């Protein structure tokens, strides 16, 4: 057994996983792929729900069906936006890291 505290082992593990442009772009590609897939799925569900009218005249059933349809589309759209924002953020983080590295090299030369 190790004598390290959980905080020390967590700090050591986080030092081994330093963000790099390659890791950032890999994560951005994964997030963008998930966002695109979720967008296509949400779009398909929206078209299916729009083309299938409700078959009941009961007011309560209509309201519940509308609520379920709205929640389904809201969850799909929300998940799509979350992954899209994550992908965009990782790309911007990569741009920032590359810019810092370039300017740091210029400063070191002078």
N, C-alpha and C. Protein backbone atom coordinates (compact mmCIF):
# COMPACT_ATOMS: atom_id res chain seq x y z
N UNK A 1 0.82 -1.19 0.00
CA UNK A 1 0.00 0.00 0.00
C UNK A 1 0.86 1.25 0.00
N UNK A 2 0.35 2.28 -0.58
CA UNK A 2 1.06 3.54 -0.68
C UNK A 2 0.70 4.43 0.50
N UNK A 3 1.66 5.27 0.95
CA UNK A 3 1.42 6.18 2.05
C UNK A 3 0.89 7.52 1.58
N UNK A 4 0.61 7.67 0.29
CA UNK A 4 0.13 8.93 -0.25
C UNK A 4 -1.31 9.18 0.16
N UNK A 5 -1.62 10.42 0.39
CA UNK A 5 -3.00 10.80 0.65
C UNK A 5 -3.76 10.84 -0.67
N UNK A 6 -5.09 10.77 -0.63
CA UNK A 6 -5.84 10.83 -1.89
C UNK A 6 -5.60 12.12 -2.66
N UNK A 7 -5.40 13.25 -1.94
CA UNK A 7 -5.15 14.51 -2.63
C UNK A 7 -3.80 14.48 -3.34
N UNK A 8 -2.80 13.87 -2.72
CA UNK A 8 -1.47 13.82 -3.34
C UNK A 8 -1.49 12.92 -4.57
N UNK A 9 -2.19 11.79 -4.49
CA UNK A 9 -2.25 10.90 -5.65
C UNK A 9 -3.07 11.54 -6.78
N UNK A 10 -4.11 12.31 -6.41
CA UNK A 10 -4.89 13.01 -7.42
C UNK A 10 -4.06 14.10 -8.09
N UNK A 11 -3.24 14.81 -7.33
CA UNK A 11 -2.39 15.84 -7.89
C UNK A 11 -1.33 15.22 -8.81
N UNK A 12 -0.78 14.09 -8.41
CA UNK A 12 0.21 13.41 -9.26
C UNK A 12 -0.44 12.92 -10.56
N UNK A 13 -1.67 12.43 -10.47
CA UNK A 13 -2.35 11.95 -11.68
C UNK A 13 -2.68 13.11 -12.60
N UNK A 14 -3.06 14.26 -12.04
CA UNK A 14 -3.40 15.39 -12.90
C UNK A 14 -2.16 15.99 -13.56
N UNK A 15 -0.99 15.83 -12.96
CA UNK A 15 0.23 16.32 -13.60
C UNK A 15 0.59 15.48 -14.82
N UNK A 16 0.24 14.20 -14.79
CA UNK A 16 0.53 13.32 -15.92
C UNK A 16 -0.39 13.59 -17.11
N UNK A 17 -1.53 14.21 -16.86
CA UNK A 17 -2.51 14.46 -17.92
C UNK A 17 -2.55 15.95 -18.22
N UNK A 18 -1.48 16.47 -18.71
CA UNK A 18 -1.42 17.89 -19.06
C UNK A 18 -2.13 18.10 -20.40
N UNK A 19 -2.91 19.18 -20.50
CA UNK A 19 -3.58 19.42 -21.78
C UNK A 19 -2.58 19.80 -22.86
N UNK A 20 -2.73 19.19 -24.00
CA UNK A 20 -1.88 19.50 -25.14
C UNK A 20 -2.79 19.78 -26.33
N UNK A 21 -2.29 20.49 -27.34
CA UNK A 21 -3.13 20.76 -28.51
C UNK A 21 -3.69 19.49 -29.16
N UNK A 22 -2.89 18.43 -29.21
CA UNK A 22 -3.37 17.19 -29.82
C UNK A 22 -4.52 16.60 -29.02
N UNK A 23 -4.39 16.56 -27.69
CA UNK A 23 -5.46 16.04 -26.85
C UNK A 23 -6.70 16.91 -26.95
N UNK A 24 -6.50 18.22 -27.00
CA UNK A 24 -7.64 19.14 -27.13
C UNK A 24 -8.39 18.91 -28.44
N UNK A 25 -7.64 18.78 -29.53
CA UNK A 25 -8.30 18.58 -30.83
C UNK A 25 -8.96 17.22 -30.94
N UNK A 26 -8.38 16.22 -30.28
CA UNK A 26 -9.01 14.90 -30.26
C UNK A 26 -10.34 14.97 -29.51
N UNK A 27 -10.34 15.63 -28.36
CA UNK A 27 -11.57 15.81 -27.61
C UNK A 27 -12.59 16.63 -28.38
N UNK A 28 -12.12 17.66 -29.08
CA UNK A 28 -13.03 18.49 -29.89
C UNK A 28 -13.64 17.67 -31.01
N UNK A 29 -12.86 16.80 -31.63
CA UNK A 29 -13.39 15.96 -32.71
C UNK A 29 -14.45 14.99 -32.17
N UNK A 30 -14.19 14.42 -31.01
CA UNK A 30 -15.17 13.51 -30.40
C UNK A 30 -16.45 14.26 -30.06
N UNK A 31 -16.31 15.43 -29.43
CA UNK A 31 -17.49 16.22 -29.05
C UNK A 31 -18.26 16.68 -30.28
N UNK A 32 -17.56 17.08 -31.33
CA UNK A 32 -18.23 17.53 -32.55
C UNK A 32 -18.96 16.37 -33.22
N UNK A 33 -18.37 15.19 -33.19
CA UNK A 33 -19.03 14.01 -33.76
C UNK A 33 -20.31 13.69 -32.99
N UNK A 34 -20.22 13.73 -31.66
CA UNK A 34 -21.42 13.50 -30.85
C UNK A 34 -22.48 14.56 -31.10
N UNK A 35 -22.06 15.82 -31.21
CA UNK A 35 -23.01 16.90 -31.46
C UNK A 35 -23.69 16.72 -32.82
N UNK A 36 -22.93 16.33 -33.82
CA UNK A 36 -23.51 16.11 -35.15
C UNK A 36 -24.49 14.95 -35.15
N UNK A 37 -24.13 13.88 -34.47
CA UNK A 37 -25.03 12.73 -34.37
C UNK A 37 -26.30 13.07 -33.61
N UNK A 38 -26.16 13.79 -32.51
CA UNK A 38 -27.34 14.21 -31.76
C UNK A 38 -28.22 15.17 -32.56
N UNK A 39 -27.59 16.04 -33.33
CA UNK A 39 -28.35 16.95 -34.18
C UNK A 39 -29.17 16.17 -35.20
N UNK A 40 -28.54 15.21 -35.84
CA UNK A 40 -29.24 14.41 -36.85
C UNK A 40 -30.39 13.62 -36.21
N UNK A 41 -30.13 13.06 -35.03
CA UNK A 41 -31.17 12.30 -34.34
C UNK A 41 -32.33 13.20 -33.92
N UNK A 42 -32.02 14.37 -33.36
CA UNK A 42 -33.05 15.30 -32.93
C UNK A 42 -33.85 15.80 -34.12
N UNK A 43 -33.18 16.07 -35.22
CA UNK A 43 -33.86 16.51 -36.44
C UNK A 43 -34.80 15.42 -36.96
N UNK A 44 -34.35 14.18 -36.94
CA UNK A 44 -35.17 13.06 -37.39
C UNK A 44 -36.40 12.92 -36.49
N UNK A 45 -36.20 12.99 -35.18
CA UNK A 45 -37.32 12.87 -34.24
C UNK A 45 -38.31 14.02 -34.45
N UNK A 46 -37.81 15.22 -34.66
CA UNK A 46 -38.70 16.37 -34.87
C UNK A 46 -39.55 16.18 -36.11
N UNK A 47 -38.95 15.67 -37.19
CA UNK A 47 -39.72 15.44 -38.41
C UNK A 47 -40.75 14.32 -38.22
N UNK A 48 -40.37 13.28 -37.50
CA UNK A 48 -41.31 12.18 -37.25
C UNK A 48 -42.48 12.66 -36.40
N UNK A 49 -42.20 13.44 -35.37
CA UNK A 49 -43.26 13.93 -34.50
C UNK A 49 -44.16 14.93 -35.23
N UNK A 50 -43.58 15.74 -36.10
CA UNK A 50 -44.37 16.72 -36.83
C UNK A 50 -45.27 16.05 -37.87
N UNK A 51 -44.83 14.94 -38.42
CA UNK A 51 -45.62 14.28 -39.45
C UNK A 51 -46.67 13.32 -38.87
N UNK A 52 -46.59 13.04 -37.56
CA UNK A 52 -47.56 12.13 -36.93
C UNK A 52 -48.48 12.94 -36.02
N UNK A 53 -49.66 13.31 -36.50
CA UNK A 53 -50.57 14.08 -35.65
C UNK A 53 -51.12 13.23 -34.51
N UNK A 54 -51.56 13.89 -33.47
CA UNK A 54 -52.13 13.18 -32.33
C UNK A 54 -53.49 12.61 -32.72
N UNK A 55 -53.78 11.37 -32.29
CA UNK A 55 -54.99 10.67 -32.71
C UNK A 55 -56.09 10.70 -31.66
N UNK A 56 -56.03 11.58 -30.70
CA UNK A 56 -57.03 11.60 -29.64
C UNK A 56 -57.72 12.96 -29.56
N UNK A 57 -58.91 12.93 -29.02
CA UNK A 57 -59.63 14.19 -28.82
C UNK A 57 -59.65 14.58 -27.35
N UNK A 58 -59.08 13.74 -26.50
CA UNK A 58 -59.03 14.02 -25.07
C UNK A 58 -58.05 15.16 -24.82
N UNK A 59 -58.48 16.18 -24.10
CA UNK A 59 -57.66 17.37 -23.85
C UNK A 59 -56.45 17.04 -23.00
N UNK A 60 -56.64 16.25 -21.96
CA UNK A 60 -55.52 15.88 -21.09
C UNK A 60 -54.48 15.07 -21.85
N UNK A 61 -54.91 14.14 -22.66
CA UNK A 61 -53.98 13.33 -23.46
C UNK A 61 -53.22 14.20 -24.44
N UNK A 62 -53.90 15.17 -25.04
CA UNK A 62 -53.23 16.08 -25.98
C UNK A 62 -52.16 16.91 -25.27
N UNK A 63 -52.49 17.40 -24.09
CA UNK A 63 -51.52 18.21 -23.33
C UNK A 63 -50.32 17.38 -22.90
N UNK A 64 -50.58 16.17 -22.43
CA UNK A 64 -49.46 15.30 -22.03
C UNK A 64 -48.59 14.92 -23.23
N UNK A 65 -49.21 14.62 -24.34
CA UNK A 65 -48.45 14.27 -25.55
C UNK A 65 -47.61 15.46 -26.01
N UNK A 66 -48.18 16.64 -25.94
CA UNK A 66 -47.44 17.84 -26.33
C UNK A 66 -46.27 18.07 -25.37
N UNK A 67 -46.51 17.84 -24.08
CA UNK A 67 -45.44 18.00 -23.08
C UNK A 67 -44.30 17.01 -23.34
N UNK A 68 -44.65 15.77 -23.62
CA UNK A 68 -43.62 14.75 -23.86
C UNK A 68 -42.84 15.08 -25.13
N UNK A 69 -43.53 15.50 -26.17
CA UNK A 69 -42.84 15.88 -27.41
C UNK A 69 -41.90 17.06 -27.19
N UNK A 70 -42.37 18.04 -26.44
CA UNK A 70 -41.55 19.22 -26.17
C UNK A 70 -40.32 18.85 -25.36
N UNK A 71 -40.50 18.04 -24.32
CA UNK A 71 -39.36 17.61 -23.50
C UNK A 71 -38.36 16.79 -24.30
N UNK A 72 -38.86 15.92 -25.17
CA UNK A 72 -37.98 15.10 -25.99
C UNK A 72 -37.09 15.97 -26.89
N UNK A 73 -37.71 16.94 -27.54
CA UNK A 73 -36.94 17.82 -28.42
C UNK A 73 -36.03 18.75 -27.63
N UNK A 74 -36.46 19.20 -26.46
CA UNK A 74 -35.62 20.07 -25.64
C UNK A 74 -34.38 19.33 -25.14
N UNK A 75 -34.55 18.10 -24.71
CA UNK A 75 -33.39 17.32 -24.27
C UNK A 75 -32.42 17.05 -25.41
N UNK A 76 -32.93 16.71 -26.57
CA UNK A 76 -32.06 16.47 -27.72
C UNK A 76 -31.32 17.74 -28.14
N UNK A 77 -32.02 18.86 -28.16
CA UNK A 77 -31.39 20.13 -28.54
C UNK A 77 -30.38 20.57 -27.49
N UNK A 78 -30.72 20.39 -26.23
CA UNK A 78 -29.80 20.77 -25.15
C UNK A 78 -28.52 19.95 -25.19
N UNK A 79 -28.65 18.65 -25.36
CA UNK A 79 -27.45 17.80 -25.44
C UNK A 79 -26.61 18.16 -26.66
N UNK A 80 -27.26 18.46 -27.78
CA UNK A 80 -26.54 18.87 -28.98
C UNK A 80 -25.74 20.13 -28.71
N UNK A 81 -26.36 21.12 -28.09
CA UNK A 81 -25.68 22.39 -27.82
C UNK A 81 -24.54 22.22 -26.82
N UNK A 82 -24.72 21.36 -25.82
CA UNK A 82 -23.65 21.14 -24.85
C UNK A 82 -22.41 20.59 -25.55
N UNK A 83 -22.57 19.57 -26.37
CA UNK A 83 -21.42 19.00 -27.05
C UNK A 83 -20.82 19.95 -28.07
N UNK A 84 -21.65 20.76 -28.72
CA UNK A 84 -21.14 21.74 -29.69
C UNK A 84 -20.31 22.82 -28.97
N UNK A 85 -20.78 23.28 -27.83
CA UNK A 85 -20.04 24.30 -27.07
C UNK A 85 -18.73 23.72 -26.53
N UNK A 86 -18.75 22.48 -26.10
CA UNK A 86 -17.52 21.83 -25.63
C UNK A 86 -16.51 21.74 -26.77
N UNK A 87 -16.96 21.34 -27.95
CA UNK A 87 -16.06 21.25 -29.11
C UNK A 87 -15.47 22.61 -29.45
N UNK A 88 -16.31 23.63 -29.47
CA UNK A 88 -15.83 24.98 -29.76
C UNK A 88 -14.84 25.46 -28.70
N UNK A 89 -15.14 25.20 -27.44
CA UNK A 89 -14.23 25.59 -26.37
C UNK A 89 -12.88 24.91 -26.46
N UNK A 90 -12.87 23.64 -26.81
CA UNK A 90 -11.59 22.92 -26.94
C UNK A 90 -10.78 23.44 -28.12
N UNK A 91 -11.45 23.80 -29.21
CA UNK A 91 -10.73 24.38 -30.35
C UNK A 91 -10.13 25.73 -29.96
N UNK A 92 -10.91 26.55 -29.25
CA UNK A 92 -10.40 27.86 -28.82
C UNK A 92 -9.25 27.70 -27.82
N UNK A 93 -9.33 26.69 -26.94
CA UNK A 93 -8.23 26.42 -26.01
C UNK A 93 -6.97 26.04 -26.77
N UNK A 94 -7.12 25.26 -27.82
CA UNK A 94 -5.96 24.89 -28.64
C UNK A 94 -5.35 26.11 -29.30
N UNK A 95 -6.18 26.99 -29.85
CA UNK A 95 -5.68 28.22 -30.47
C UNK A 95 -4.92 29.06 -29.44
N UNK A 96 -5.46 29.15 -28.23
CA UNK A 96 -4.80 29.91 -27.17
C UNK A 96 -3.45 29.30 -26.82
N UNK A 97 -3.40 27.98 -26.65
CA UNK A 97 -2.14 27.32 -26.30
C UNK A 97 -1.10 27.50 -27.40
N UNK A 98 -1.50 27.40 -28.64
CA UNK A 98 -0.55 27.57 -29.75
C UNK A 98 -0.06 29.01 -29.81
N UNK A 99 -0.96 29.97 -29.62
CA UNK A 99 -0.57 31.38 -29.64
C UNK A 99 0.40 31.70 -28.50
N UNK A 100 0.13 31.16 -27.32
CA UNK A 100 1.03 31.39 -26.19
C UNK A 100 2.40 30.79 -26.47
N UNK A 101 2.43 29.60 -27.06
CA UNK A 101 3.71 28.96 -27.38
C UNK A 101 4.48 29.77 -28.43
N UNK A 102 3.79 30.31 -29.40
CA UNK A 102 4.46 31.10 -30.45
C UNK A 102 5.02 32.39 -29.87
N UNK A 103 4.21 33.09 -29.07
CA UNK A 103 4.69 34.36 -28.49
C UNK A 103 5.79 34.13 -27.47
N UNK A 104 5.76 33.00 -26.78
CA UNK A 104 6.81 32.71 -25.81
C UNK A 104 8.13 32.44 -26.54
N UNK A 105 8.07 31.79 -27.70
CA UNK A 105 9.30 31.57 -28.48
C UNK A 105 9.86 32.88 -29.00
N UNK A 106 8.98 33.80 -29.42
CA UNK A 106 9.45 35.10 -29.91
C UNK A 106 10.11 35.89 -28.79
N UNK A 107 9.57 35.80 -27.57
CA UNK A 107 10.15 36.51 -26.45
C UNK A 107 11.51 35.94 -26.07
N UNK A 108 11.64 34.61 -26.18
CA UNK A 108 12.89 33.97 -25.83
C UNK A 108 14.00 34.34 -26.82
N UNK A 109 13.67 34.60 -28.06
CA UNK A 109 14.67 34.96 -29.06
C UNK A 109 15.22 36.35 -28.85
N UNK A 110 14.40 37.24 -28.35
CA UNK A 110 14.85 38.64 -28.20
C UNK A 110 15.50 38.86 -26.88
